[in-house]
Amino acid sequence: MVGLLLCSGGWAALELGFLLAPGTLGYAFYLGSLVIGLATVGAWLYFCSAYTGRSFHRNRPYRLVAVSVYLAIVTVKLTNPLHGLYFATEFVADPFPHLTIMHGVFHWVVTGLSYALVTVGFFMLFELFLEADYDTRPLGVLVGITALPAVLDIVGYASNALLDINHEPLGVALFALGVLYVFDEAFLAVQLTDGVDDAVVYLDDNDHIKEFNGEAQRLFPTLSGSRGQRLDAVLPAITEILATDDQILERTRNGETEYFLISDTSFSLGQVDIGRMLVFTDVTDSERQRRELDRQNEQLEGFATAIRHELLNTLQIITGRVDVAGDALNRGDVGLAKESLQSTAETADRMSEIVDGLATLARHGQTIDETTPVDLQPIVDGAWERADTNGLTMAADVDGQVIADPTRLRDLFESGFTFAAHNGASTVTVRRNDDQIVITDDGTPAGETAPEAFFEYGGAIPDAAAGMTLPNLRMLARTHGWDVSLDTDYQDGVRIVISNVTVAESLEN
């Protein structure tokens, strides 16, 4: 870029000398401008190759060919006084005394070659902007400014409206100044993120948005028209995340939850910090796996707690009842012994139910790989038939479909109905409200009990027999990616809210 500026400045100065010093000195100035002007093409191609990350400017054969062609053309230009193949001069007095140039065929051949090489450079720049997914309008503006002097050349050649001189130094200089001072953020951002396919937002050292690529605008539509605004005004959620240790952004697009790792990198020129680059890398697959592993670890901890709590309690009861039966037989109290053994058998049956519950956890505890649109009403009816409801009545308003695993969804409702029966309810209702499924019973309210206790394995709420129903319900919901909570505002029983349920498209349409 420095070479481009020096060449265009020298070229312009020699053109000015040509206009102001007619005669032999003006002739020499013009020859010098031809030599320096051609060198500008070389500096331009070197800049384009280096800026776009290509190696043409470092390739020895290319450099030898370029220098050889340049020296050959310069030789023809410098020897023009001997052969006159490149141009001829004529002194004119209108509108002021100066030399006018009549170009020969060789000049137009070299001019055509020069413009072709300049076009190749612009092509390299446009290709880089497109590959980096940045707005090409700044580059288009500079191309238009650079090409304008060529139009002035044509006007000067074809009419008397302008002097027939080279105006190209102006275009080259304006391009260089535009890159360095007007569109410097765009050119710097493109160069820094060349080869990066992720969303990129470029900030200055005061957190003002200076540039962003197309992927960033697709990820954050609010970026449109945001250049010059502060990041916290346009994307406040990103600012909050950057202030924490967790650099993961969670976004929902097209009904799918995606996760992005935010990389915040500062960069400088010399000792001066000039900006920051935020890169948003899609880590959806790995983050889903990590969260699934966390969920399974939590589930396994609950699994261990359930085994320890439920089975140990049951074994203690069985041991105690057997001891009572033994003592009763020693005293000849057959009735008490029979009663104790009967209670032992019932407790053993309870242990069998616990094992079945744990088997459900082990069987259905993994995240679902395949789901399908499921009609809710038949699933609710099937769960009701399987549940041990003890005279409980049920009402359901669940028209439509959700995306789920039918077996797990049926077991979810069965767990909810079983809990209601153990909670002393007489009626349980099931409703679907948009992306929520609500199971409500009129049994014992939660009262002062912490809502989370209802979903803990081993919590035994409301009793030991129902202790695993709600933990299993939440586990089955989480395998679908749904959330479960207790409505603490409901005081006439227990209301379980299953949210973020994936509704089939037919309902949304």
Protein backbone atom coordinates (compact mmCIF):
# COMPACT_ATOMS: atom_id res chain seq x y z
CA MET A 1 0.00 0.00 0.00
CA VAL A 2 2.90 2.34 0.74
CA GLY A 3 4.34 1.54 -2.67
CA LEU A 4 0.98 2.23 -4.27
CA LEU A 5 0.75 5.62 -2.56
CA LEU A 6 4.33 6.58 -3.50
CA CYS A 7 3.89 5.53 -7.12
CA SER A 8 0.56 7.33 -7.54
CA GLY A 9 1.99 10.45 -5.87
CA GLY A 10 5.10 10.43 -8.08
CA TRP A 11 2.95 9.76 -11.14
CA ALA A 12 0.66 12.71 -10.33
CA ALA A 13 3.63 15.02 -9.63
CA LEU A 14 5.26 14.19 -12.97
CA GLU A 15 1.95 14.75 -14.80
CA LEU A 16 1.72 18.16 -13.13
CA GLY A 17 5.31 18.92 -14.20
CA PHE A 18 4.41 17.95 -17.75
CA LEU A 19 1.58 20.50 -17.77
CA LEU A 20 3.58 23.32 -16.18
CA ALA A 21 6.88 22.91 -18.07
CA PRO A 22 6.32 22.76 -21.83
CA GLY A 23 9.18 21.95 -24.13
CA THR A 24 12.02 19.50 -23.53
CA LEU A 25 11.54 19.51 -19.75
CA GLY A 26 7.83 18.75 -20.16
CA TYR A 27 8.72 15.91 -22.49
CA ALA A 28 11.05 14.45 -19.84
CA PHE A 29 8.35 14.80 -17.17
CA TYR A 30 5.93 12.88 -19.37
CA LEU A 31 8.42 10.10 -19.98
CA GLY A 32 8.98 9.85 -16.23
CA SER A 33 5.22 9.68 -15.61
CA LEU A 34 4.96 6.77 -18.04
CA VAL A 35 7.68 4.88 -16.16
CA ILE A 36 6.25 5.55 -12.67
CA GLY A 37 2.66 5.00 -13.84
CA LEU A 38 3.53 1.52 -15.06
CA ALA A 39 5.22 0.77 -11.72
CA THR A 40 1.90 1.60 -10.05
CA VAL A 41 0.39 -1.46 -11.73
CA GLY A 42 3.07 -3.63 -10.14
CA ALA A 43 2.48 -2.14 -6.70
CA TRP A 44 -1.26 -2.65 -7.15
CA LEU A 45 -0.92 -6.33 -8.03
CA TYR A 46 1.54 -6.86 -5.17
CA PHE A 47 -0.95 -5.30 -2.72
CA CYS A 48 -3.89 -7.36 -4.02
CA SER A 49 -1.94 -10.61 -3.86
CA ALA A 50 -0.59 -9.96 -0.35
CA TYR A 51 -3.88 -8.64 1.06
CA THR A 52 -5.91 -11.60 -0.25
CA GLY A 53 -3.42 -14.12 1.14
CA ARG A 54 -2.14 -15.30 -2.24
CA SER A 55 1.50 -16.05 -3.00
CA PHE A 56 1.87 -14.53 -6.48
CA HIS A 57 3.97 -11.67 -5.12
CA ARG A 58 6.38 -14.16 -3.51
CA ASN A 59 6.60 -16.54 -6.47
CA ARG A 60 10.04 -16.11 -8.05
CA PRO A 61 9.05 -17.01 -11.66
CA TYR A 62 6.12 -14.57 -11.54
CA ARG A 63 8.35 -11.83 -10.18
CA LEU A 64 10.99 -12.41 -12.89
CA VAL A 65 8.34 -12.30 -15.63
CA ALA A 66 6.78 -9.14 -14.15
CA VAL A 67 10.13 -7.33 -13.88
CA SER A 68 11.16 -8.44 -17.37
CA VAL A 69 7.93 -7.20 -18.95
CA TYR A 70 8.17 -3.96 -16.99
CA LEU A 71 11.77 -3.32 -18.13
CA ALA A 72 10.91 -4.16 -21.73
CA ILE A 73 7.99 -1.70 -21.79
CA VAL A 74 10.08 0.98 -20.03
CA THR A 75 12.81 0.52 -22.64
CA VAL A 76 10.32 1.18 -25.41
CA LYS A 77 9.04 4.25 -23.60
CA LEU A 78 12.48 5.71 -22.90
CA THR A 79 13.59 5.19 -26.49
CA ASN A 80 10.46 6.80 -27.88
CA PRO A 81 12.44 9.90 -29.05
CA LEU A 82 14.30 7.56 -31.42
CA HIS A 83 11.35 5.68 -32.94
CA GLY A 84 8.18 7.54 -31.93
CA LEU A 85 6.21 4.28 -31.62
CA TYR A 86 4.74 5.13 -28.23
CA PHE A 87 3.65 8.75 -28.58
CA ALA A 88 4.23 12.02 -30.40
CA THR A 89 4.01 15.56 -29.02
CA GLU A 90 2.76 18.85 -30.34
CA PHE A 91 2.95 22.29 -28.73
CA VAL A 92 -0.39 24.09 -28.43
CA ALA A 93 -1.29 27.45 -26.98
CA ASP A 94 -5.00 26.87 -26.20
CA PRO A 95 -6.29 27.04 -23.50
CA PHE A 96 -2.77 27.65 -22.20
CA PRO A 97 0.72 26.83 -23.61
CA HIS A 98 1.40 23.12 -23.14
CA LEU A 99 2.45 19.97 -24.92
CA THR A 100 -0.30 17.72 -26.21
CA ILE A 101 0.24 14.01 -26.67
CA MET A 102 -0.77 11.85 -29.64
CA HIS A 103 -0.57 8.24 -28.51
CA GLY A 104 0.57 5.45 -30.78
CA VAL A 105 -0.57 1.83 -31.08
CA PHE A 106 1.99 0.58 -28.57
CA HIS A 107 0.56 2.91 -25.93
CA TRP A 108 -2.95 1.48 -26.33
CA VAL A 109 -1.65 -2.08 -26.15
CA VAL A 110 0.17 -1.34 -22.90
CA THR A 111 -2.84 0.58 -21.56
CA GLY A 112 -5.12 -2.38 -22.31
CA LEU A 113 -2.70 -4.75 -20.59
CA SER A 114 -2.53 -2.45 -17.55
CA TYR A 115 -6.28 -2.19 -17.17
CA ALA A 116 -6.59 -5.96 -17.56
CA LEU A 117 -4.10 -6.48 -14.72
CA VAL A 118 -5.89 -3.91 -12.58
CA THR A 119 -9.15 -5.79 -13.20
CA VAL A 120 -7.47 -9.02 -12.05
CA GLY A 121 -6.53 -7.29 -8.81
CA PHE A 122 -10.09 -6.08 -8.25
CA PHE A 123 -11.32 -9.61 -8.93
CA MET A 124 -9.03 -10.95 -6.19
CA LEU A 125 -10.38 -8.36 -3.75
CA PHE A 126 -14.02 -9.03 -4.58
CA GLU A 127 -13.46 -12.76 -4.28
CA LEU A 128 -11.97 -12.32 -0.81
CA PHE A 129 -14.86 -10.12 0.34
CA LEU A 130 -17.36 -12.67 -0.93
CA GLU A 131 -15.54 -15.64 0.61
CA ALA A 132 -15.30 -13.82 3.95
CA ASP A 133 -19.04 -13.08 3.63
CA TYR A 134 -18.72 -9.31 4.05
CA ASP A 135 -20.60 -6.46 2.45
CA THR A 136 -18.92 -5.66 -0.89
CA ARG A 137 -20.40 -2.17 -1.21
CA PRO A 138 -17.36 -0.39 0.28
CA LEU A 139 -15.16 -2.13 -2.27
CA GLY A 140 -17.64 -1.30 -5.02
CA VAL A 141 -17.49 2.38 -4.08
CA LEU A 142 -13.69 2.36 -4.31
CA VAL A 143 -13.78 0.55 -7.64
CA GLY A 144 -16.13 3.20 -8.98
CA ILE A 145 -13.85 6.01 -7.76
CA THR A 146 -10.80 4.31 -9.26
CA ALA A 147 -12.54 3.79 -12.61
CA LEU A 148 -13.86 7.36 -12.86
CA PRO A 149 -10.52 8.83 -14.10
CA ALA A 150 -10.58 6.35 -16.98
CA VAL A 151 -13.86 7.95 -18.05
CA LEU A 152 -12.20 11.37 -17.80
CA ASP A 153 -9.37 10.08 -20.01
CA ILE A 154 -11.89 9.03 -22.66
CA VAL A 155 -13.66 12.40 -22.48
CA GLY A 156 -10.33 14.22 -22.82
CA TYR A 157 -9.32 12.07 -25.78
CA ALA A 158 -12.64 12.33 -27.62
CA SER A 159 -13.50 15.99 -27.00
CA ASN A 160 -12.11 19.34 -25.97
CA ALA A 161 -14.03 19.37 -22.69
CA LEU A 162 -10.95 18.11 -20.81
CA LEU A 163 -7.23 18.03 -21.43
CA ASP A 164 -6.01 14.84 -23.04
CA ILE A 165 -3.85 13.72 -20.10
CA ASN A 166 -3.73 10.78 -17.70
CA HIS A 167 -6.18 11.19 -14.83
CA GLU A 168 -5.51 7.72 -13.36
CA PRO A 169 -3.19 8.93 -10.55
CA LEU A 170 -6.21 10.57 -8.92
CA GLY A 171 -8.18 7.31 -8.94
CA VAL A 172 -5.29 5.28 -7.56
CA ALA A 173 -4.66 7.80 -4.79
CA LEU A 174 -8.33 7.96 -3.83
CA PHE A 175 -8.47 4.15 -3.67
CA ALA A 176 -5.46 4.01 -1.36
CA LEU A 177 -6.82 6.77 0.88
CA GLY A 178 -10.22 5.08 0.97
CA VAL A 179 -8.65 1.81 2.11
CA LEU A 180 -6.53 3.51 4.77
CA TYR A 181 -8.94 6.10 6.19
CA VAL A 182 -12.54 5.59 5.03
CA PHE A 183 -13.18 1.85 4.76
CA ASP A 184 -10.23 0.74 6.88
CA GLU A 185 -12.45 -1.21 9.32
CA ALA A 186 -14.00 -3.21 6.49
CA PHE A 187 -10.65 -4.05 4.88
CA LEU A 188 -9.08 -4.88 8.24
CA ALA A 189 -12.00 -7.08 9.28
CA VAL A 190 -11.95 -8.98 5.97
CA GLN A 191 -8.21 -9.58 6.21
CA LEU A 192 -8.32 -10.69 9.86
CA THR A 193 -11.14 -13.17 9.31
CA ASP A 194 -10.08 -14.57 5.97
CA GLY A 195 -10.91 -18.27 5.98
CA VAL A 196 -13.24 -17.99 9.02
CA ASP A 197 -16.69 -19.41 8.25
CA ASP A 198 -18.20 -18.43 11.61
CA ALA A 199 -20.18 -15.32 12.50
CA VAL A 200 -17.80 -12.40 13.15
CA VAL A 201 -18.45 -8.97 14.70
CA TYR A 202 -15.62 -6.42 14.65
CA LEU A 203 -15.61 -3.78 17.43
CA ASP A 204 -13.43 -0.74 17.99
CA ASP A 205 -11.64 -0.21 21.30
CA ASN A 206 -14.78 1.50 22.71
CA ASP A 207 -17.06 -1.45 21.86
CA HIS A 208 -18.73 0.28 18.92
CA ILE A 209 -19.74 -2.08 16.12
CA LYS A 210 -17.57 -1.30 13.10
CA GLU A 211 -18.11 -4.31 10.83
CA PHE A 212 -19.68 -7.77 10.67
CA ASN A 213 -19.97 -10.54 8.13
CA GLY A 214 -23.07 -12.03 6.55
CA GLU A 215 -23.20 -15.02 8.89
CA ALA A 216 -23.28 -12.65 11.88
CA GLN A 217 -26.18 -10.73 10.37
CA ARG A 218 -28.06 -13.97 9.73
CA LEU A 219 -27.46 -15.02 13.32
CA PHE A 220 -28.33 -11.56 14.72
CA PRO A 221 -30.75 -9.72 12.38
CA THR A 222 -30.60 -6.66 14.68
CA LEU A 223 -27.05 -6.02 13.41
CA SER A 224 -28.51 -4.59 10.20
CA GLY A 225 -27.81 -0.85 10.21
CA SER A 226 -25.97 -1.05 13.54
CA ARG A 227 -22.52 0.15 12.43
CA GLY A 228 -21.30 2.84 14.82
CA GLN A 229 -23.62 1.76 17.67
CA ARG A 230 -22.45 0.22 20.93
CA LEU A 231 -22.57 -3.53 21.31
CA ASP A 232 -24.55 -3.37 24.56
CA ALA A 233 -27.27 -1.35 22.80
CA VAL A 234 -27.61 -3.73 19.85
CA LEU A 235 -26.82 -7.10 21.45
CA PRO A 236 -27.16 -6.68 25.24
CA ALA A 237 -27.29 -10.45 25.81
CA ILE A 238 -23.83 -10.82 24.26
CA THR A 239 -22.44 -8.14 26.56
CA GLU A 240 -23.85 -9.97 29.57
CA ILE A 241 -22.33 -13.29 28.47
CA LEU A 242 -18.92 -11.69 27.90
CA ALA A 243 -18.97 -10.46 31.50
CA THR A 244 -19.25 -14.05 32.78
CA ASP A 245 -16.98 -17.08 32.67
CA ASP A 246 -19.50 -19.00 30.58
CA GLN A 247 -18.86 -17.96 26.99
CA ILE A 248 -21.69 -20.07 25.54
CA LEU A 249 -24.57 -18.34 23.74
CA GLU A 250 -27.87 -20.22 23.50
CA ARG A 251 -30.09 -19.27 20.56
CA THR A 252 -33.33 -20.67 19.14
CA ARG A 253 -33.70 -20.53 15.37
CA ASN A 254 -36.40 -22.29 13.35
CA GLY A 255 -37.55 -24.11 16.46
CA GLU A 256 -34.07 -25.58 17.13
CA THR A 257 -31.82 -24.66 20.04
CA GLU A 258 -28.26 -23.86 18.94
CA TYR A 259 -25.17 -23.11 20.99
CA PHE A 260 -22.27 -20.83 20.05
CA LEU A 261 -18.88 -20.40 21.69
CA ILE A 262 -17.95 -16.69 21.81
CA SER A 263 -14.25 -15.98 21.25
CA ASP A 264 -13.28 -12.44 22.26
CA THR A 265 -9.91 -11.47 20.74
CA SER A 266 -8.22 -8.08 20.96
CA PHE A 267 -5.76 -6.99 18.31
CA SER A 268 -3.40 -4.07 17.94
CA LEU A 269 -1.07 -2.26 15.56
CA GLY A 270 2.24 -1.68 17.26
CA GLN A 271 1.52 -0.64 20.84
CA VAL A 272 -2.00 0.62 20.16
CA ASP A 273 -5.13 -1.49 20.70
CA ILE A 274 -7.39 -0.87 17.73
CA GLY A 275 -10.28 -3.23 18.32
CA ARG A 276 -11.79 -6.57 19.24
CA MET A 277 -13.08 -9.42 17.18
CA LEU A 278 -16.01 -11.51 18.41
CA VAL A 279 -16.20 -14.89 16.70
CA PHE A 280 -19.28 -17.06 17.23
CA THR A 281 -18.41 -20.72 16.63
CA ASP A 282 -21.26 -23.20 16.32
CA VAL A 283 -20.72 -25.82 19.04
CA THR A 284 -24.29 -27.12 19.04
CA ASP A 285 -23.39 -30.81 18.75
CA SER A 286 -20.68 -30.80 21.41
CA GLU A 287 -22.72 -28.61 23.78
CA ARG A 288 -25.74 -30.86 23.43
CA GLN A 289 -23.54 -33.84 24.23
CA ARG A 290 -22.08 -32.03 27.24
CA ARG A 291 -25.49 -31.06 28.56
CA GLU A 292 -26.79 -34.55 27.96
CA LEU A 293 -23.83 -35.95 29.90
CA ASP A 294 -24.55 -33.52 32.76
CA ARG A 295 -28.19 -34.57 32.75
CA GLN A 296 -27.28 -38.25 32.77
CA ASN A 297 -24.79 -37.70 35.58
CA GLU A 298 -27.46 -35.93 37.61
CA GLN A 299 -29.84 -38.74 36.76
CA LEU A 300 -27.35 -41.38 37.87
CA GLU A 301 -26.85 -39.55 41.16
CA GLY A 302 -30.60 -39.60 41.66
CA PHE A 303 -30.61 -43.25 40.63
CA ALA A 304 -28.06 -44.08 43.34
CA THR A 305 -29.96 -42.04 45.90
CA ALA A 306 -33.19 -43.83 45.02
CA ILE A 307 -31.61 -47.26 45.38
CA ARG A 308 -29.98 -46.39 48.69
CA HIS A 309 -33.05 -44.73 50.16
CA GLU A 310 -35.85 -46.94 48.91
CA LEU A 311 -34.22 -50.34 49.13
CA LEU A 312 -32.56 -49.78 52.49
CA ASN A 313 -35.83 -48.54 53.96
CA THR A 314 -37.66 -51.50 52.52
CA LEU A 315 -35.09 -53.98 53.82
CA GLN A 316 -35.29 -52.41 57.27
CA ILE A 317 -39.07 -52.80 57.26
CA ILE A 318 -38.82 -56.42 56.12
CA THR A 319 -36.20 -57.19 58.77
CA GLY A 320 -38.32 -55.59 61.46
CA ARG A 321 -41.47 -57.45 60.41
CA VAL A 322 -39.66 -60.77 60.26
CA ASP A 323 -38.29 -60.18 63.77
CA VAL A 324 -41.80 -59.38 65.02
CA ALA A 325 -43.16 -62.54 63.37
CA GLY A 326 -40.38 -64.63 64.97
CA ASP A 327 -41.08 -63.21 68.42
CA ALA A 328 -44.81 -63.79 67.96
CA LEU A 329 -44.28 -67.44 67.03
CA ASN A 330 -42.06 -67.94 70.07
CA ARG A 331 -44.92 -66.63 72.22
CA GLY A 332 -47.45 -68.74 70.33
CA ASP A 333 -49.21 -65.67 68.89
CA VAL A 334 -49.89 -67.10 65.44
CA GLY A 335 -52.22 -64.27 64.43
CA LEU A 336 -49.62 -61.57 65.03
CA ALA A 337 -46.98 -63.65 63.24
CA LYS A 338 -49.29 -64.09 60.27
CA GLU A 339 -50.07 -60.36 60.19
CA SER A 340 -46.38 -59.46 60.30
CA LEU A 341 -45.51 -61.89 57.51
CA GLN A 342 -48.38 -60.52 55.42
CA SER A 343 -46.96 -56.99 55.90
CA THR A 344 -43.54 -58.36 54.93
CA ALA A 345 -44.98 -59.72 51.68
CA GLU A 346 -46.60 -56.37 50.91
CA THR A 347 -43.30 -54.62 51.56
CA ALA A 348 -41.57 -57.10 49.25
CA ASP A 349 -44.14 -56.22 46.59
CA ARG A 350 -43.24 -52.57 47.17
CA MET A 351 -39.61 -53.46 46.57
CA SER A 352 -40.64 -55.06 43.29
CA GLU A 353 -42.40 -51.81 42.31
CA ILE A 354 -39.25 -49.86 43.15
CA VAL A 355 -37.20 -52.15 40.95
CA ASP A 356 -39.74 -51.65 38.14
CA GLY A 357 -39.44 -47.90 38.59
CA LEU A 358 -35.67 -48.06 38.43
CA ALA A 359 -35.95 -50.25 35.35
CA THR A 360 -38.05 -47.52 33.74
CA LEU A 361 -35.34 -45.02 34.58
CA ALA A 362 -32.62 -47.22 33.10
CA ARG A 363 -34.68 -48.04 30.00
CA HIS A 364 -35.95 -44.58 29.17
CA GLY A 365 -33.31 -42.32 30.72
CA GLN A 366 -31.35 -41.73 27.51
CA THR A 367 -32.08 -38.77 25.25
CA ILE A 368 -34.47 -39.75 22.48
CA ASP A 369 -32.94 -40.26 19.05
CA GLU A 370 -36.20 -40.56 17.10
CA THR A 371 -39.51 -38.81 17.69
CA THR A 372 -42.76 -38.68 15.78
CA PRO A 373 -45.99 -36.62 15.79
CA VAL A 374 -48.14 -38.13 18.53
CA ASP A 375 -51.86 -37.59 19.18
CA LEU A 376 -52.12 -36.67 22.84
CA GLN A 377 -55.60 -37.98 23.63
CA PRO A 378 -54.90 -41.69 22.90
CA ILE A 379 -51.63 -41.46 24.85
CA VAL A 380 -53.41 -39.95 27.88
CA ASP A 381 -56.14 -42.59 27.72
CA GLY A 382 -53.56 -45.39 27.49
CA ALA A 383 -51.63 -44.03 30.48
CA TRP A 384 -54.86 -43.77 32.49
CA GLU A 385 -55.68 -47.43 31.83
CA ARG A 386 -52.22 -48.52 33.01
CA ALA A 387 -52.04 -46.34 36.13
CA ASP A 388 -53.10 -47.52 39.59
CA THR A 389 -55.56 -44.69 40.26
CA ASN A 390 -57.59 -46.07 43.22
CA GLY A 391 -60.92 -44.52 42.22
CA LEU A 392 -59.43 -41.28 40.91
CA THR A 393 -61.31 -39.54 38.06
CA MET A 394 -59.63 -37.85 35.10
CA ALA A 395 -60.59 -35.11 32.64
CA ALA A 396 -58.44 -34.21 29.64
CA ASP A 397 -58.41 -31.40 27.09
CA VAL A 398 -55.40 -32.29 24.95
CA ASP A 399 -56.43 -31.98 21.33
CA GLY A 400 -53.65 -31.99 18.76
CA GLN A 401 -50.22 -33.51 18.38
CA VAL A 402 -46.80 -33.10 19.92
CA ILE A 403 -43.42 -34.39 18.75
CA ALA A 404 -42.44 -37.15 21.19
CA ASP A 405 -41.62 -40.79 21.81
CA PRO A 406 -45.02 -42.47 22.37
CA THR A 407 -43.83 -44.98 24.99
CA ARG A 408 -41.97 -42.44 27.09
CA LEU A 409 -44.86 -39.97 26.80
CA ARG A 410 -47.34 -42.60 28.01
CA ASP A 411 -45.09 -43.46 30.97
CA LEU A 412 -44.84 -39.73 31.76
CA PHE A 413 -48.60 -39.37 32.09
CA GLU A 414 -48.83 -42.65 34.01
CA SER A 415 -46.35 -41.31 36.56
CA GLY A 416 -48.40 -38.12 36.88
CA PHE A 417 -51.65 -40.04 37.45
CA THR A 418 -50.03 -42.38 39.97
CA PHE A 419 -48.68 -39.42 41.93
CA ALA A 420 -52.15 -37.81 42.02
CA ALA A 421 -53.63 -41.02 43.39
CA HIS A 422 -51.04 -41.14 46.17
CA ASN A 423 -51.50 -37.41 46.84
CA GLY A 424 -55.05 -37.96 48.07
CA ALA A 425 -56.69 -36.45 44.99
CA SER A 426 -60.17 -37.26 43.77
CA THR A 427 -59.79 -35.64 40.34
CA VAL A 428 -56.88 -35.05 37.99
CA THR A 429 -57.02 -32.90 34.85
CA VAL A 430 -54.71 -32.68 31.86
CA ARG A 431 -54.58 -29.59 29.64
CA ARG A 432 -52.42 -28.49 26.74
CA ASN A 433 -51.80 -24.75 26.39
CA ASP A 434 -49.67 -24.01 23.33
CA ASP A 435 -46.24 -25.48 24.21
CA GLN A 436 -47.24 -26.47 27.75
CA ILE A 437 -48.86 -29.59 29.19
CA VAL A 438 -50.39 -29.07 32.64
CA ILE A 439 -51.33 -31.94 35.00
CA THR A 440 -53.41 -30.73 37.97
CA ASP A 441 -54.82 -32.68 40.92
CA ASP A 442 -57.01 -31.58 43.83
CA GLY A 443 -55.00 -33.47 46.44
CA THR A 444 -52.69 -32.26 49.19
CA PRO A 445 -51.06 -28.89 48.29
CA ALA A 446 -47.30 -28.49 48.37
CA GLY A 447 -47.55 -26.15 51.35
CA GLU A 448 -44.13 -25.28 52.75
CA THR A 449 -42.40 -28.15 50.94
CA ALA A 450 -39.74 -26.92 48.50
CA PRO A 451 -40.89 -27.55 44.90
CA GLU A 452 -37.59 -29.24 44.01
CA ALA A 453 -38.16 -31.86 46.73
CA PHE A 454 -41.04 -33.30 44.70
CA PHE A 455 -38.62 -34.24 41.91
CA GLU A 456 -35.80 -35.69 44.00
CA TYR A 457 -35.30 -39.43 44.03
CA GLY A 458 -35.69 -40.63 47.57
CA GLY A 459 -37.74 -37.60 48.56
CA ALA A 460 -40.76 -39.84 49.26
CA ILE A 461 -43.36 -37.14 48.59
CA PRO A 462 -46.18 -37.51 49.49
CA ASP A 463 -45.27 -41.03 50.71
CA ALA A 464 -42.75 -43.79 50.08
CA ALA A 465 -45.06 -45.50 47.60
CA ALA A 466 -45.18 -42.41 45.37
CA GLY A 467 -41.61 -41.26 45.96
CA MET A 468 -40.37 -42.04 42.42
CA THR A 469 -43.35 -40.96 40.34
CA LEU A 470 -42.51 -37.28 39.88
CA PRO A 471 -38.73 -37.85 39.57
CA ASN A 472 -39.48 -40.30 36.78
CA LEU A 473 -41.94 -37.84 35.23
CA ARG A 474 -39.28 -35.13 35.09
CA MET A 475 -36.71 -37.57 33.74
CA LEU A 476 -39.07 -38.65 30.95
CA ALA A 477 -39.79 -35.00 30.09
CA ARG A 478 -36.10 -34.10 30.00
CA THR A 479 -35.33 -36.90 27.59
CA HIS A 480 -37.58 -34.97 25.18
CA GLY A 481 -35.80 -31.68 25.92
CA TRP A 482 -38.77 -30.38 27.92
CA ASP A 483 -38.77 -28.62 31.31
CA VAL A 484 -40.86 -29.54 34.37
CA SER A 485 -41.77 -27.33 37.31
CA LEU A 486 -44.31 -27.07 40.10
CA ASP A 487 -46.80 -24.19 40.01
CA THR A 488 -46.22 -22.72 43.47
CA ASP A 489 -49.13 -20.27 43.05
CA TYR A 490 -51.66 -23.12 42.89
CA GLN A 491 -53.01 -23.84 46.41
CA ASP A 492 -55.86 -26.31 45.75
CA GLY A 493 -53.65 -29.30 45.11
CA VAL A 494 -50.55 -29.91 43.01
CA ARG A 495 -50.11 -28.53 39.50
CA ILE A 496 -47.26 -29.87 37.36
CA VAL A 497 -46.26 -27.70 34.38
CA ILE A 498 -44.37 -29.31 31.48
CA SER A 499 -43.03 -26.52 29.24
CA ASN A 500 -41.12 -26.12 25.96
CA VAL A 501 -43.10 -29.00 24.51
CA THR A 502 -42.48 -29.41 20.78
CA VAL A 503 -45.84 -29.00 19.04
CA ALA A 504 -46.46 -30.61 15.66
CA GLU A 505 -46.49 -28.21 12.70
CA SER A 506 -50.10 -29.05 11.91
CA LEU A 507 -51.12 -27.27 15.12
CA GLU A 508 -49.09 -24.17 14.35
CA ASN A 509 -50.58 -23.91 10.85
